[in-house]
Amino acid sequence: MNHELLMERLFEILINWYRVAARSFIKEMHESGMSSNSIHTEVFWPSCNQIDRLFRNDHLTALSYRMATRLLRVMVDQTSITLEHAPRNGKSIFASCGPSEGNELGAQIAIDLLEANGYQMTFSGGGVAADEILAQVQETKPEILLMFCSAPGDLPQIRHLIDSIREIGACPNLQIAVGGGVFSRAEGLAEEIGADLWGNSPQELFDVLIENPYHRSEVNQPNAGSRKVRRKAA
């Protein structure tokens, strides 16, 4: 299928809330030979980014943005049922995101794909207070804390949460990962706030987690002194 044409058709479906056409669209993609994993990665994820970018640049009304986001979430839910799952890898991820609908949609796509790639996922959604996230991390002790698709207004809470986790020594082996949203638009931001790993897309985030299973940011090491910037491991 022509990818550019595919994206144009999906965009038209989303902003006009064509529910029947949305179901037919999913069926057509599957009949063309696309797997649900590819649909999530190659169609839904870039569509989510496109909708978010257009809305932030005032090229979409609030009404069109909400209709598009909600219908795309329905499509993601439907397609996630048929994702192909790899064997469990024994690692758990607790994930949270910003409070907006777009944040939750982007995070959900990423979480579906990470789960399909073998991770045990727990997802709080958006709008959860930092102290509750911290309490959950201390209680369940996941290998990875993931904060995905955040807006600039979420950064103070994320920075405070990372600092609190390190200062009290909660889960010393915990990796903190961030991705999407403002982290994709501001180079070096993930490093500056003390994240261990980051990725601009679900696939990139998965690749980074696999390639750097024990990596810790220099700013998170004991006696690290002032914040330092470290390039992501290759």
Protein backbone atom coordinates (compact mmCIF):
# COMPACT_ATOMS: atom_id res chain seq x y z
CA MET A 1 0.00 0.00 0.00
CA ASN A 2 1.13 3.57 -0.72
CA HIS A 3 2.13 4.85 2.72
CA GLU A 4 1.53 8.53 1.97
CA LEU A 5 -1.92 7.83 0.58
CA LEU A 6 -2.63 5.58 3.55
CA MET A 7 -1.82 8.36 5.98
CA GLU A 8 -3.96 10.88 4.09
CA ARG A 9 -6.94 8.56 4.12
CA LEU A 10 -6.58 7.83 7.82
CA PHE A 11 -6.30 11.52 8.65
CA GLU A 12 -9.56 12.22 6.79
CA ILE A 13 -11.28 9.39 8.64
CA LEU A 14 -10.05 10.59 12.02
CA ILE A 15 -10.89 14.28 11.88
CA ASN A 16 -14.38 13.52 10.55
CA TRP A 17 -15.14 10.70 13.03
CA TYR A 18 -15.93 8.16 10.32
CA ARG A 19 -16.33 5.14 12.57
CA VAL A 20 -17.55 2.73 9.90
CA ALA A 21 -14.72 3.78 7.59
CA ALA A 22 -12.25 3.30 10.47
CA ARG A 23 -13.26 -0.34 10.86
CA SER A 24 -13.03 -0.89 7.11
CA PHE A 25 -9.63 0.78 7.08
CA ILE A 26 -8.23 -1.64 9.65
CA LYS A 27 -9.64 -4.59 7.74
CA GLU A 28 -8.12 -3.31 4.50
CA MET A 29 -4.68 -2.93 6.06
CA HIS A 30 -4.77 -6.48 7.40
CA GLU A 31 -5.95 -7.84 4.05
CA SER A 32 -3.03 -6.06 2.36
CA GLY A 33 -0.63 -8.13 4.50
CA MET A 34 0.22 -5.62 7.25
CA SER A 35 0.57 -7.09 10.72
CA SER A 36 -1.00 -5.35 13.70
CA ASN A 37 2.52 -4.63 14.97
CA SER A 38 3.36 -2.82 11.72
CA ILE A 39 0.08 -0.92 11.79
CA HIS A 40 0.86 0.31 15.32
CA THR A 41 4.41 1.32 14.40
CA GLU A 42 4.07 2.58 10.83
CA VAL A 43 0.53 4.00 10.76
CA PHE A 44 -0.94 4.71 14.20
CA TRP A 45 2.20 6.16 15.82
CA PRO A 46 2.97 8.70 13.03
CA SER A 47 -0.74 9.57 12.81
CA CYS A 48 -0.80 10.31 16.54
CA ASN A 49 2.24 12.56 16.13
CA GLN A 50 0.69 14.32 13.14
CA ILE A 51 -2.53 15.09 14.99
CA ASP A 52 -0.63 16.37 18.02
CA ARG A 53 1.67 18.55 15.90
CA LEU A 54 -1.20 20.10 13.94
CA PHE A 55 -3.12 20.88 17.11
CA ARG A 56 -0.11 22.44 18.84
CA ASN A 57 0.45 24.64 15.77
CA ASP A 58 -3.23 25.73 15.72
CA HIS A 59 -3.93 23.91 12.46
CA LEU A 60 -6.67 21.80 14.03
CA THR A 61 -9.65 22.96 16.06
CA ALA A 62 -10.16 21.50 19.51
CA LEU A 63 -13.19 19.67 18.17
CA SER A 64 -11.27 18.02 15.31
CA TYR A 65 -8.39 17.17 17.64
CA ARG A 66 -10.64 15.47 20.16
CA MET A 67 -12.60 13.55 17.57
CA ALA A 68 -9.43 12.39 15.85
CA THR A 69 -7.69 11.39 19.07
CA ARG A 70 -10.64 9.45 20.40
CA LEU A 71 -11.32 7.60 17.18
CA LEU A 72 -7.66 6.70 16.78
CA ARG A 73 -7.68 5.33 20.31
CA VAL A 74 -10.63 3.10 19.37
CA MET A 75 -8.64 1.84 16.38
CA VAL A 76 -5.57 1.21 18.54
CA ASP A 77 -7.67 -0.78 21.00
CA GLN A 78 -9.15 -2.89 18.22
CA THR A 79 -5.80 -3.62 16.61
CA SER A 80 -3.98 -4.33 19.87
CA ILE A 81 -6.06 -7.50 20.28
CA THR A 82 -4.25 -9.08 17.33
CA LEU A 83 -0.70 -7.95 18.09
CA GLU A 84 1.88 -10.72 17.82
CA HIS A 85 3.57 -11.24 21.19
CA ALA A 86 7.15 -12.31 21.82
CA PRO A 87 7.97 -14.53 24.83
CA ARG A 88 8.10 -12.72 28.18
CA ASN A 89 11.56 -11.34 28.94
CA GLY A 90 11.16 -11.25 32.72
CA LYS A 91 11.26 -7.44 32.98
CA SER A 92 8.48 -5.21 34.24
CA ILE A 93 7.77 -1.60 33.31
CA PHE A 94 5.57 0.83 35.22
CA ALA A 95 4.47 3.59 32.84
CA SER A 96 2.81 6.97 33.24
CA CYS A 97 2.24 9.94 30.98
CA GLY A 98 0.92 13.48 30.81
CA PRO A 99 -2.77 14.21 31.43
CA SER A 100 -3.94 15.11 27.91
CA GLU A 101 -5.78 12.73 25.60
CA GLY A 102 -2.93 12.92 23.09
CA ASN A 103 -0.41 12.01 25.79
CA GLU A 104 -2.41 8.95 26.80
CA LEU A 105 -2.91 7.83 23.21
CA GLY A 106 0.79 8.06 22.37
CA ALA A 107 1.70 6.27 25.59
CA GLN A 108 -0.85 3.53 24.93
CA ILE A 109 0.63 2.80 21.49
CA ALA A 110 4.09 2.56 23.02
CA ILE A 111 2.88 0.36 25.87
CA ASP A 112 1.04 -2.01 23.52
CA LEU A 113 4.24 -2.45 21.49
CA LEU A 114 6.50 -2.88 24.52
CA GLU A 115 4.15 -5.52 25.90
CA ALA A 116 4.16 -7.26 22.52
CA ASN A 117 7.96 -7.28 22.71
CA GLY A 118 8.01 -9.22 25.97
CA TYR A 119 7.70 -6.68 28.80
CA GLN A 120 5.23 -6.96 31.65
CA MET A 121 3.46 -3.59 31.54
CA THR A 122 1.55 -1.59 34.13
CA PHE A 123 0.11 1.74 32.96
CA SER A 124 -1.34 4.43 35.21
CA GLY A 125 -2.48 6.77 32.46
CA GLY A 126 -2.09 10.51 32.93
CA GLY A 127 -2.76 12.93 35.73
CA VAL A 128 -1.33 10.81 38.57
CA ALA A 129 0.49 12.70 41.31
CA ALA A 130 4.25 12.19 41.64
CA ASP A 131 3.98 10.91 45.22
CA GLU A 132 1.60 8.17 44.11
CA ILE A 133 3.93 7.12 41.31
CA LEU A 134 6.82 7.06 43.76
CA ALA A 135 4.81 4.92 46.19
CA GLN A 136 3.94 2.49 43.39
CA VAL A 137 7.58 2.20 42.34
CA GLN A 138 8.66 1.50 45.92
CA GLU A 139 5.94 -1.10 46.41
CA THR A 140 6.15 -3.02 43.13
CA LYS A 141 9.85 -2.47 42.29
CA PRO A 142 9.69 -2.58 38.49
CA GLU A 143 12.91 -2.80 36.50
CA ILE A 144 11.95 0.30 34.49
CA LEU A 145 9.91 3.45 35.14
CA LEU A 146 8.70 4.91 31.84
CA MET A 147 7.30 8.42 31.47
CA PHE A 148 5.99 8.86 27.95
CA CYS A 149 4.58 11.61 25.73
CA SER A 150 4.83 14.51 28.15
CA ALA A 151 4.09 18.18 27.51
CA PRO A 152 6.35 21.02 28.73
CA GLY A 153 4.04 21.60 31.68
CA ASP A 154 4.71 18.08 32.96
CA LEU A 155 8.47 18.57 33.26
CA PRO A 156 8.63 20.00 36.82
CA GLN A 157 6.80 16.94 38.19
CA ILE A 158 8.96 14.55 36.18
CA ARG A 159 12.17 16.24 37.34
CA HIS A 160 10.94 16.24 40.94
CA LEU A 161 10.01 12.56 40.72
CA ILE A 162 13.40 11.55 39.30
CA ASP A 163 15.23 13.57 41.95
CA SER A 164 13.09 12.08 44.74
CA ILE A 165 13.69 8.52 43.59
CA ARG A 166 17.45 9.05 43.53
CA GLU A 167 17.66 11.05 46.77
CA ILE A 168 15.82 8.47 48.90
CA GLY A 169 17.47 5.52 47.18
CA ALA A 170 14.17 3.97 46.12
CA CYS A 171 14.86 0.95 43.91
CA PRO A 172 18.59 1.53 43.32
CA ASN A 173 18.54 -0.74 40.24
CA LEU A 174 15.61 1.09 38.65
CA GLN A 175 16.10 2.47 35.15
CA ILE A 176 14.19 5.63 34.30
CA ALA A 177 13.18 6.01 30.68
CA VAL A 178 11.36 8.82 28.90
CA GLY A 179 10.09 9.18 25.37
CA GLY A 180 7.91 11.02 22.92
CA GLY A 181 6.32 14.41 23.34
CA VAL A 182 8.55 17.24 24.50
CA PHE A 183 11.52 14.87 24.81
CA SER A 184 11.42 14.30 21.06
CA ARG A 185 11.33 18.03 20.35
CA ALA A 186 14.01 19.24 22.76
CA GLU A 187 17.40 17.63 22.21
CA GLY A 188 19.30 16.93 25.41
CA LEU A 189 16.29 17.43 27.67
CA ALA A 190 16.04 13.79 28.73
CA GLU A 191 19.71 13.80 29.73
CA GLU A 192 19.43 17.10 31.56
CA ILE A 193 16.61 15.96 33.84
CA GLY A 194 18.45 12.76 34.73
CA ALA A 195 16.72 10.06 32.67
CA ASP A 196 18.78 6.94 32.05
CA LEU A 197 17.36 6.13 28.61
CA TRP A 198 15.12 7.79 26.04
CA GLY A 199 13.63 7.24 22.61
CA ASN A 200 11.68 9.30 20.10
CA SER A 201 9.35 6.46 19.10
CA PRO A 202 8.15 3.17 20.58
CA GLN A 203 10.51 1.19 18.35
CA GLU A 204 13.49 3.38 19.22
CA LEU A 205 12.65 3.13 22.90
CA PHE A 206 12.47 -0.65 22.67
CA ASP A 207 15.80 -0.79 20.85
CA VAL A 208 17.44 1.41 23.49
CA LEU A 209 16.08 -0.71 26.35
CA ILE A 210 17.39 -3.88 24.71
CA GLU A 211 20.81 -2.42 23.89
CA ASN A 212 21.36 -0.77 27.31
CA PRO A 213 19.82 -3.05 29.95
CA TYR A 214 22.08 -1.81 32.76
CA HIS A 215 22.86 1.74 31.71
CA ARG A 216 22.55 4.47 34.32
CA SER A 217 22.89 8.18 33.64
CA GLU A 218 25.95 9.83 35.20
CA VAL A 219 23.69 12.33 36.95
CA ASN A 220 22.05 9.46 38.81
CA GLN A 221 25.25 8.02 40.24
CA PRO A 222 26.21 8.62 43.88
CA ASN A 223 28.59 11.55 44.31
CA ALA A 224 27.97 12.65 40.75
CA GLY A 225 28.12 16.27 41.77
CA SER A 226 26.54 18.77 39.45
CA ARG A 227 24.37 17.54 36.61
CA LYS A 228 26.34 16.29 33.64
CA VAL A 229 25.21 15.47 30.14
CA ARG A 230 26.04 12.06 28.78
CA ARG A 231 25.35 10.90 25.28
CA LYS A 232 23.12 7.88 24.87
CA ALA A 233 25.13 4.70 24.58
CA ALA A 234 25.40 3.49 21.00
